[in-house]
Amino acid sequence: MILVQNHRLPLSGSKILVFALLLSVLGACSPKVLRPGGRKETKEPTKETPDKKVKDREKEAVEKRAHFNNIALLLPFQLDKVIDSVPNKRDVERSSLALDFYQGFKLGLDNLTSSGDNFKLDVLDTRDNVAEVRKIAVGKSITEAALVVGPVFPTEINAFSDVANLSGKLQISPLAARSPSQYQTNKLVTVTPPIDMHAQTLANYIASEYEIGDHVVILNNIDEDSEKLLVPLRAALDKKEVKYSELNELSEIEASLNTVGKNIVINASTNQFFIAQLLASLNKLKTESAYDISLIGHPNWSKLDLNPEYLSALRTCISSSYFIDEKKPEVQQFRKDYFSLFKVIPSEFAFKGYDTGVFFGRLLAKYPTDYAEKLVKEKHMGASIGFEFVHDPALGYINTSVRLLRFNGQFYRPF
């Protein structure tokens, strides 16, 4: 059984319908925005029949006997920006991230109820507003929650942590990829592995592939995205005693390659124009000059439109915390269930919401009083993301589940 704040939300119909239902439910906790000339209508209170009173008492008795795992879900629906009673397409688009994550998260909890687990889910609109987050942080929903999921944006995470009393409970950061060192709490659970985890995974792979006579070349664009990955990657390679050279110009690449042995070229740029040039140059060196070259890129390369033939020829490898295997039964079932309920294809945020709901819902149901102590012992590979946490007394809990993907055919695949 799942209880949502004030009312159970029927999960059916389109995004606009679900958004309208959220507006009616959560709007009770938000100031109404009236158009000029509008006025509030007053209604006579509905009289309760004796039968209804009896049913309400019976329902309360059942709920008291059952144990509910209380979860507070904080998402930026921004319902305060809706000015009409019926939301429009712009309202839904503005809340798309929150809506998709909520729908996936709740579907994950719904699936757990088949085994008899009970959850009370309080859905709270942070409005993408620091002041509102601070208000929520000291409210009853947070006080009574055993687990807090959200907020999703870094500024809101810090604002919440500043004032919330999280004694005995954890705060889940479900989407932000920022390093945990930039937050002000050691109660935070960082679900999206920070870039340091990607660097460590890549260094482990390079070290396992590296042999005497091989050459590792870092082509550094000296931009912000490159440095975020390369700084921890250099440190990890140094720790593993992997030798490498570094250059800053694409024109210098051929002179730096070995004619004998493997050449592992690393580039952490996210500039699509530059990467296209790099792929063309390396492919030419490999096919026309017979250099043995393999390429390692940035995690965001999976989102770029790059030449698939070049990516395949260079055995291009990237790290990723998010991957959907369409052959996996759980993926197929989730797609089917999600489309059946919402009449739309699940987005990345819906998949992540589902996996987060399943993992933390199961953890809370299994260890209701000491789930925080068990977190580092539980591992799970979901439909799109994995969960494997380490604990740092200063930084909180950090997900280390990063996979290596190699471009094969038309897509990146695990190997």
Protein backbone atom coordinates (compact mmCIF):
# COMPACT_ATOMS: atom_id res chain seq x y z
CA MET A 1 0.00 0.00 0.00
CA ILE A 2 1.26 3.49 -0.83
CA LEU A 3 -0.14 6.65 0.71
CA VAL A 4 0.49 9.98 -0.97
CA GLN A 5 0.10 13.24 0.91
CA ASN A 6 -3.63 14.09 1.26
CA HIS A 7 -4.85 11.74 -1.50
CA ARG A 8 -3.79 8.67 -3.44
CA LEU A 9 -2.89 9.73 -6.97
CA PRO A 10 -4.53 7.61 -9.68
CA LEU A 11 -1.75 6.82 -12.13
CA SER A 12 -3.42 6.78 -15.51
CA GLY A 13 -3.72 8.94 -18.61
CA SER A 14 -1.33 11.44 -20.12
CA LYS A 15 1.33 13.59 -18.54
CA ILE A 16 -1.04 16.54 -18.42
CA LEU A 17 -3.63 14.48 -16.55
CA VAL A 18 -1.09 13.27 -13.99
CA PHE A 19 0.24 16.81 -13.67
CA ALA A 20 -3.31 18.11 -13.11
CA LEU A 21 -3.83 15.53 -10.37
CA LEU A 22 -0.58 16.57 -8.71
CA LEU A 23 -1.69 20.17 -8.93
CA SER A 24 -4.95 19.39 -7.16
CA VAL A 25 -3.22 17.33 -4.45
CA LEU A 26 -0.08 19.32 -3.77
CA GLY A 27 -1.75 22.63 -4.48
CA ALA A 28 -3.47 22.34 -1.12
CA CYS A 29 -0.06 22.91 0.42
CA SER A 30 0.76 25.84 -1.88
CA PRO A 31 -0.69 29.34 -2.19
CA LYS A 32 -3.21 29.64 -5.01
CA VAL A 33 -2.27 31.98 -7.86
CA LEU A 34 -5.38 33.88 -8.95
CA ARG A 35 -5.85 35.73 -12.19
CA PRO A 36 -6.81 39.43 -11.96
CA GLY A 37 -10.47 39.78 -11.02
CA GLY A 38 -10.68 36.25 -9.68
CA ARG A 39 -12.16 35.44 -6.32
CA LYS A 40 -12.26 32.45 -4.04
CA GLU A 41 -15.46 30.47 -3.95
CA THR A 42 -16.76 29.21 -0.64
CA LYS A 43 -18.51 25.89 -0.32
CA GLU A 44 -20.70 24.51 2.40
CA PRO A 45 -18.94 21.73 4.32
CA THR A 46 -20.01 18.27 3.25
CA LYS A 47 -21.95 16.41 5.90
CA GLU A 48 -20.59 12.99 6.72
CA THR A 49 -23.03 10.10 6.87
CA PRO A 50 -22.82 7.56 9.71
CA ASP A 51 -21.69 4.90 7.20
CA LYS A 52 -18.83 7.08 6.04
CA LYS A 53 -17.73 7.73 9.62
CA VAL A 54 -17.67 4.01 10.34
CA LYS A 55 -15.64 3.31 7.19
CA ASP A 56 -13.17 6.09 8.07
CA ARG A 57 -12.68 4.64 11.57
CA GLU A 58 -12.13 1.18 10.10
CA LYS A 59 -9.61 2.57 7.64
CA GLU A 60 -7.72 4.37 10.43
CA ALA A 61 -7.66 1.17 12.48
CA VAL A 62 -6.16 -0.80 9.58
CA GLU A 63 -3.53 1.87 9.00
CA LYS A 64 -2.56 1.89 12.68
CA ARG A 65 -2.04 -1.88 12.68
CA ALA A 66 0.08 -1.80 9.51
CA HIS A 67 3.68 -0.61 9.49
CA PHE A 68 4.38 2.09 6.95
CA ASN A 69 7.83 2.98 5.68
CA ASN A 70 7.62 6.77 5.45
CA ILE A 71 9.42 8.40 2.52
CA ALA A 72 9.48 12.12 1.71
CA LEU A 73 10.06 12.86 -1.99
CA LEU A 74 11.16 16.46 -2.72
CA LEU A 75 10.95 17.47 -6.38
CA PRO A 76 10.77 20.81 -8.27
CA PHE A 77 7.28 20.55 -9.80
CA GLN A 78 6.97 24.37 -9.63
CA LEU A 79 3.21 24.17 -9.25
CA ASP A 80 3.16 27.74 -7.93
CA LYS A 81 3.85 28.93 -11.50
CA VAL A 82 0.64 27.41 -12.86
CA ILE A 83 -1.90 30.23 -13.28
CA ASP A 84 -4.83 28.24 -14.68
CA SER A 85 -6.82 25.50 -13.01
CA VAL A 86 -5.94 23.25 -15.96
CA PRO A 87 -2.18 23.10 -16.67
CA ASN A 88 -0.92 23.65 -20.20
CA LYS A 89 1.93 22.15 -22.17
CA ARG A 90 4.41 24.76 -20.92
CA ASP A 91 3.59 23.91 -17.30
CA VAL A 92 4.20 20.23 -17.95
CA GLU A 93 7.47 20.88 -19.78
CA ARG A 94 8.72 23.04 -16.91
CA SER A 95 8.01 20.20 -14.49
CA SER A 96 9.09 17.39 -16.83
CA LEU A 97 12.12 16.26 -14.82
CA ALA A 98 10.18 16.13 -11.56
CA LEU A 99 7.13 14.50 -13.12
CA ASP A 100 9.11 11.78 -14.90
CA PHE A 101 11.18 10.98 -11.81
CA TYR A 102 8.07 10.89 -9.60
CA GLN A 103 6.21 8.55 -11.95
CA GLY A 104 9.18 6.16 -12.15
CA PHE A 105 9.83 6.34 -8.39
CA LYS A 106 6.23 5.59 -7.47
CA LEU A 107 6.05 2.73 -9.96
CA GLY A 108 9.14 1.27 -8.27
CA LEU A 109 7.44 1.42 -4.87
CA ASP A 110 4.22 0.00 -6.34
CA ASN A 111 6.15 -3.05 -7.55
CA LEU A 112 7.51 -3.64 -4.05
CA THR A 113 4.03 -3.74 -2.53
CA SER A 114 3.39 -7.08 -4.24
CA SER A 115 5.57 -8.65 -1.54
CA GLY A 116 3.53 -7.05 1.24
CA ASP A 117 5.62 -3.96 1.98
CA ASN A 118 3.77 -0.75 2.88
CA PHE A 119 4.95 2.77 2.11
CA LYS A 120 3.69 6.22 2.91
CA LEU A 121 5.00 8.55 0.22
CA ASP A 122 4.80 12.29 0.90
CA VAL A 123 5.34 14.18 -2.37
CA LEU A 124 6.53 17.75 -1.77
CA ASP A 125 7.02 20.52 -4.31
CA THR A 126 10.28 22.42 -3.71
CA ARG A 127 9.28 24.92 -6.44
CA ASP A 128 12.99 25.23 -7.37
CA ASN A 129 13.08 27.76 -4.54
CA VAL A 130 15.56 27.85 -1.66
CA ALA A 131 13.13 29.53 0.74
CA GLU A 132 10.49 26.87 0.09
CA VAL A 133 13.07 24.12 0.62
CA ARG A 134 14.02 25.55 4.02
CA LYS A 135 10.35 25.66 4.97
CA ILE A 136 9.85 22.04 3.94
CA ALA A 137 12.99 20.95 5.81
CA VAL A 138 11.49 21.78 9.21
CA GLY A 139 7.98 20.53 8.39
CA LYS A 140 6.08 17.51 9.67
CA SER A 141 6.63 15.45 6.52
CA ILE A 142 10.39 15.51 7.03
CA THR A 143 10.16 14.96 10.77
CA GLU A 144 8.04 11.84 10.30
CA ALA A 145 9.94 10.48 7.29
CA ALA A 146 12.42 7.66 7.75
CA LEU A 147 14.02 8.48 4.39
CA VAL A 148 14.26 11.74 2.44
CA VAL A 149 14.71 11.63 -1.35
CA GLY A 150 15.68 15.02 -2.79
CA PRO A 151 15.92 17.84 -3.43
CA VAL A 152 17.57 17.37 -6.83
CA PHE A 153 19.46 20.64 -7.41
CA PRO A 154 22.74 21.44 -5.57
CA THR A 155 21.61 24.82 -4.15
CA GLU A 156 18.44 23.22 -2.79
CA ILE A 157 20.38 20.28 -1.33
CA ASN A 158 22.57 22.68 0.67
CA ALA A 159 19.59 24.79 1.75
CA PHE A 160 17.78 21.69 2.98
CA SER A 161 20.83 20.32 4.79
CA ASP A 162 21.39 23.64 6.57
CA VAL A 163 18.19 23.42 8.60
CA ALA A 164 16.87 19.84 8.48
CA ASN A 165 17.26 17.55 11.48
CA LEU A 166 18.35 14.28 9.87
CA SER A 167 19.23 12.41 13.02
CA GLY A 168 18.98 8.69 12.29
CA LYS A 169 17.95 9.16 8.67
CA LEU A 170 19.58 9.79 5.31
CA GLN A 171 19.04 12.34 2.55
CA ILE A 172 19.20 10.92 -0.97
CA SER A 173 20.61 13.08 -3.77
CA PRO A 174 19.05 11.20 -6.70
CA LEU A 175 20.30 13.08 -9.75
CA ALA A 176 22.99 15.69 -9.00
CA ALA A 177 26.45 14.64 -10.24
CA ARG A 178 28.36 17.25 -8.24
CA SER A 179 31.18 16.06 -5.97
CA PRO A 180 29.96 15.36 -2.41
CA SER A 181 32.76 17.62 -1.12
CA GLN A 182 30.75 20.62 -2.34
CA TYR A 183 27.85 19.88 0.01
CA GLN A 184 27.52 20.75 3.66
CA THR A 185 26.34 17.46 5.13
CA ASN A 186 27.69 14.00 5.81
CA LYS A 187 24.18 12.54 5.76
CA LEU A 188 23.97 12.78 1.99
CA VAL A 189 23.69 9.73 -0.26
CA THR A 190 25.04 10.61 -3.71
CA VAL A 191 23.33 8.28 -6.20
CA THR A 192 24.96 9.65 -9.38
CA PRO A 193 28.64 8.70 -9.17
CA PRO A 194 30.84 11.83 -9.25
CA ILE A 195 33.44 12.23 -11.98
CA ASP A 196 36.16 10.89 -9.63
CA MET A 197 34.48 7.49 -9.74
CA HIS A 198 34.57 7.56 -13.56
CA ALA A 199 38.27 8.42 -13.47
CA GLN A 200 38.99 5.52 -11.11
CA THR A 201 37.09 3.06 -13.30
CA LEU A 202 38.96 4.23 -16.43
CA ALA A 203 42.34 4.04 -14.65
CA ASN A 204 41.60 0.47 -13.54
CA TYR A 205 40.76 -0.46 -17.13
CA ILE A 206 43.87 1.21 -18.58
CA ALA A 207 46.09 -0.46 -15.99
CA SER A 208 44.59 -3.87 -16.84
CA GLU A 209 45.20 -3.31 -20.57
CA TYR A 210 48.64 -1.73 -20.24
CA GLU A 211 51.70 -3.77 -21.18
CA ILE A 212 55.38 -2.94 -21.59
CA GLY A 213 55.82 -1.19 -24.94
CA ASP A 214 52.34 0.32 -24.91
CA HIS A 215 51.83 4.06 -24.87
CA VAL A 216 49.15 6.13 -23.15
CA VAL A 217 48.57 9.58 -24.63
CA ILE A 218 46.38 12.27 -23.06
CA LEU A 219 45.19 14.87 -25.55
CA ASN A 220 44.19 17.75 -23.30
CA ASN A 221 41.96 20.51 -24.64
CA ILE A 222 42.55 22.51 -21.44
CA ASP A 223 38.87 23.29 -20.98
CA GLU A 224 36.67 22.93 -17.91
CA ASP A 225 35.02 19.62 -18.83
CA SER A 226 38.37 18.06 -19.73
CA GLU A 227 40.03 19.07 -16.48
CA LYS A 228 37.17 17.75 -14.34
CA LEU A 229 37.91 14.25 -15.63
CA LEU A 230 41.63 14.48 -16.29
CA VAL A 231 42.69 15.77 -12.85
CA PRO A 232 41.45 12.68 -10.97
CA LEU A 233 42.40 10.40 -13.90
CA ARG A 234 46.04 11.55 -13.81
CA ALA A 235 46.13 10.96 -10.06
CA ALA A 236 44.67 7.48 -10.46
CA LEU A 237 47.11 6.57 -13.25
CA ASP A 238 50.06 7.85 -11.21
CA LYS A 239 48.93 5.72 -8.27
CA LYS A 240 48.86 2.67 -10.51
CA GLU A 241 52.27 3.61 -11.98
CA VAL A 242 50.93 3.83 -15.53
CA LYS A 243 53.22 6.02 -17.66
CA TYR A 244 51.63 8.52 -20.02
CA SER A 245 52.49 11.54 -22.09
CA GLU A 246 50.35 14.64 -22.54
CA LEU A 247 49.89 17.06 -25.42
CA ASN A 248 47.57 19.94 -26.20
CA GLU A 249 47.41 20.06 -30.00
CA LEU A 250 45.79 17.56 -32.32
CA SER A 251 48.53 18.24 -34.89
CA GLU A 252 51.06 16.68 -32.46
CA ILE A 253 49.24 13.38 -32.12
CA GLU A 254 51.06 11.34 -34.79
CA ALA A 255 54.51 12.25 -33.47
CA SER A 256 53.51 10.99 -30.03
CA LEU A 257 52.34 7.52 -31.15
CA ASN A 258 54.37 4.33 -30.99
CA THR A 259 54.73 2.27 -34.16
CA VAL A 260 55.07 -0.91 -32.06
CA GLY A 261 52.61 -1.79 -29.32
CA LYS A 262 49.23 -0.34 -28.43
CA ASN A 263 48.45 3.35 -28.28
CA ILE A 264 45.72 4.28 -25.81
CA VAL A 265 44.56 7.82 -26.58
CA ILE A 266 42.51 9.68 -23.95
CA ASN A 267 40.44 12.77 -24.66
CA ALA A 268 37.98 14.29 -22.19
CA SER A 269 36.52 17.05 -24.32
CA THR A 270 32.77 17.43 -24.83
CA ASN A 271 33.18 19.76 -27.84
CA GLN A 272 31.51 17.83 -30.66
CA PHE A 273 33.33 19.74 -33.42
CA PHE A 274 36.75 18.96 -31.94
CA ILE A 275 35.88 15.31 -31.23
CA ALA A 276 34.77 14.85 -34.85
CA GLN A 277 38.19 16.09 -35.99
CA LEU A 278 39.93 13.82 -33.51
CA LEU A 279 38.02 10.75 -34.67
CA ALA A 280 38.78 11.46 -38.33
CA SER A 281 42.50 11.99 -37.63
CA LEU A 282 42.90 8.87 -35.48
CA ASN A 283 40.94 6.72 -37.92
CA LYS A 284 43.18 7.88 -40.77
CA LEU A 285 46.33 7.08 -38.76
CA LYS A 286 44.97 3.64 -37.93
CA THR A 287 43.76 2.66 -41.41
CA GLU A 288 46.45 4.31 -43.55
CA SER A 289 49.52 4.14 -41.30
CA ALA A 290 48.66 0.95 -39.38
CA TYR A 291 48.97 2.41 -35.89
CA ASP A 292 47.34 0.27 -33.19
CA ILE A 293 45.03 2.84 -31.59
CA SER A 294 42.21 2.62 -29.09
CA LEU A 295 40.36 5.65 -27.79
CA ILE A 296 38.93 6.58 -24.39
CA GLY A 297 36.47 9.47 -24.20
CA HIS A 298 34.23 11.44 -21.86
CA PRO A 299 31.00 9.89 -20.44
CA ASN A 300 28.94 12.50 -22.31
CA TRP A 301 30.09 11.18 -25.68
CA SER A 302 27.11 8.82 -25.57
CA LYS A 303 24.87 11.89 -26.01
CA LEU A 304 26.75 13.31 -29.00
CA ASP A 305 26.21 12.69 -32.70
CA LEU A 306 29.56 11.16 -33.72
CA ASN A 307 30.68 9.02 -36.67
CA PRO A 308 29.80 5.42 -35.73
CA GLU A 309 32.32 3.87 -38.13
CA TYR A 310 35.19 5.82 -36.59
CA LEU A 311 34.00 5.03 -33.04
CA SER A 312 33.90 1.31 -33.84
CA ALA A 313 37.24 1.23 -35.68
CA LEU A 314 38.97 2.92 -32.72
CA ARG A 315 37.34 0.55 -30.17
CA THR A 316 36.12 3.66 -28.41
CA CYS A 317 35.49 3.22 -24.70
CA ILE A 318 33.69 5.50 -22.26
CA SER A 319 32.56 5.21 -18.66
CA SER A 320 28.91 5.51 -17.72
CA SER A 321 26.67 5.21 -14.66
CA TYR A 322 23.55 4.94 -16.84
CA PHE A 323 22.86 2.22 -19.40
CA ILE A 324 19.70 0.48 -20.58
CA ASP A 325 19.97 -3.09 -21.86
CA GLU A 326 16.83 -3.56 -23.94
CA LYS A 327 17.16 -7.35 -23.69
CA LYS A 328 16.87 -7.27 -19.90
CA PRO A 329 13.43 -8.54 -18.72
CA GLU A 330 13.20 -5.81 -16.05
CA VAL A 331 13.71 -3.12 -18.69
CA GLN A 332 11.05 -4.60 -20.96
CA GLN A 333 8.57 -4.92 -18.08
CA PHE A 334 9.19 -1.38 -16.88
CA ARG A 335 8.68 0.05 -20.35
CA LYS A 336 5.45 -1.92 -20.69
CA ASP A 337 4.08 -0.90 -17.27
CA TYR A 338 5.09 2.73 -17.65
CA PHE A 339 3.50 3.11 -21.06
CA SER A 340 0.37 1.34 -19.89
CA LEU A 341 -0.03 3.81 -17.03
CA PHE A 342 1.08 7.08 -18.60
CA LYS A 343 0.77 6.55 -22.38
CA VAL A 344 4.31 7.88 -22.93
CA ILE A 345 7.73 6.27 -23.32
CA PRO A 346 9.80 6.50 -20.09
CA SER A 347 12.61 9.05 -20.13
CA GLU A 348 16.04 8.76 -18.51
CA PHE A 349 14.64 10.47 -15.39
CA ALA A 350 11.76 7.98 -15.24
CA PHE A 351 14.20 5.05 -15.37
CA LYS A 352 16.36 6.61 -12.66
CA GLY A 353 13.31 7.30 -10.53
CA TYR A 354 12.21 3.69 -10.86
CA ASP A 355 15.60 2.27 -9.91
CA THR A 356 15.91 4.66 -6.98
CA GLY A 357 12.45 3.74 -5.72
CA VAL A 358 13.12 0.02 -5.96
CA PHE A 359 16.54 0.13 -4.29
CA PHE A 360 15.80 2.45 -1.39
CA GLY A 361 12.25 1.19 -0.90
CA ARG A 362 13.56 -2.36 -0.58
CA LEU A 363 16.38 -1.23 1.71
CA LEU A 364 13.98 0.63 4.01
CA ALA A 365 11.48 -2.24 4.10
CA LYS A 366 14.22 -4.76 4.85
CA TYR A 367 15.98 -2.69 7.53
CA PRO A 368 13.40 -0.15 8.81
CA THR A 369 15.35 0.85 11.91
CA ASP A 370 18.97 0.67 10.77
CA TYR A 371 18.95 0.93 6.96
CA ALA A 372 21.72 3.57 7.05
CA GLU A 373 24.11 1.05 8.57
CA LYS A 374 23.24 -1.55 5.93
CA LEU A 375 23.54 0.72 2.89
CA VAL A 376 27.20 -0.08 2.12
CA LYS A 377 26.47 -3.83 2.30
CA GLU A 378 23.66 -3.79 -0.24
CA LYS A 379 24.41 -3.99 -3.98
CA HIS A 380 21.90 -3.86 -6.79
CA MET A 381 21.92 -3.50 -10.57
CA GLY A 382 18.70 -1.84 -11.64
CA ALA A 383 17.09 -1.35 -15.02
CA SER A 384 19.36 1.59 -15.81
CA ILE A 385 21.72 2.33 -12.90
CA GLY A 386 23.63 0.31 -10.32
CA PHE A 387 24.01 0.84 -6.59
CA GLU A 388 27.24 0.11 -4.74
CA PHE A 389 28.09 2.57 -1.98
CA VAL A 390 31.16 3.47 0.02
CA HIS A 391 31.01 5.62 3.14
CA ASP A 392 33.20 8.60 3.90
CA PRO A 393 32.70 10.12 7.38
CA ALA A 394 33.07 13.63 5.95
CA LEU A 395 31.30 13.23 2.60
CA GLY A 396 28.53 10.75 3.29
CA TYR A 397 27.66 7.80 1.03
CA ILE A 398 28.91 7.73 -2.56
CA ASN A 399 27.74 5.43 -5.32
CA THR A 400 30.70 3.81 -7.08
CA SER A 401 28.72 1.85 -9.69
CA VAL A 402 30.29 2.91 -12.99
CA ARG A 403 30.36 0.68 -16.07
CA LEU A 404 32.61 0.66 -19.10
CA LEU A 405 30.91 0.87 -22.47
CA ARG A 406 32.53 0.17 -25.84
CA PHE A 407 31.09 1.36 -29.12
CA ASN A 408 29.97 -1.71 -31.02
CA GLY A 409 28.00 -1.36 -34.23
CA GLN A 410 25.60 1.53 -33.66
CA PHE A 411 25.59 1.73 -29.86
CA TYR A 412 27.77 1.68 -26.79
CA ARG A 413 27.56 -1.64 -24.94
CA PRO A 414 29.03 -2.96 -21.67
CA PHE A 415 32.10 -5.17 -21.86
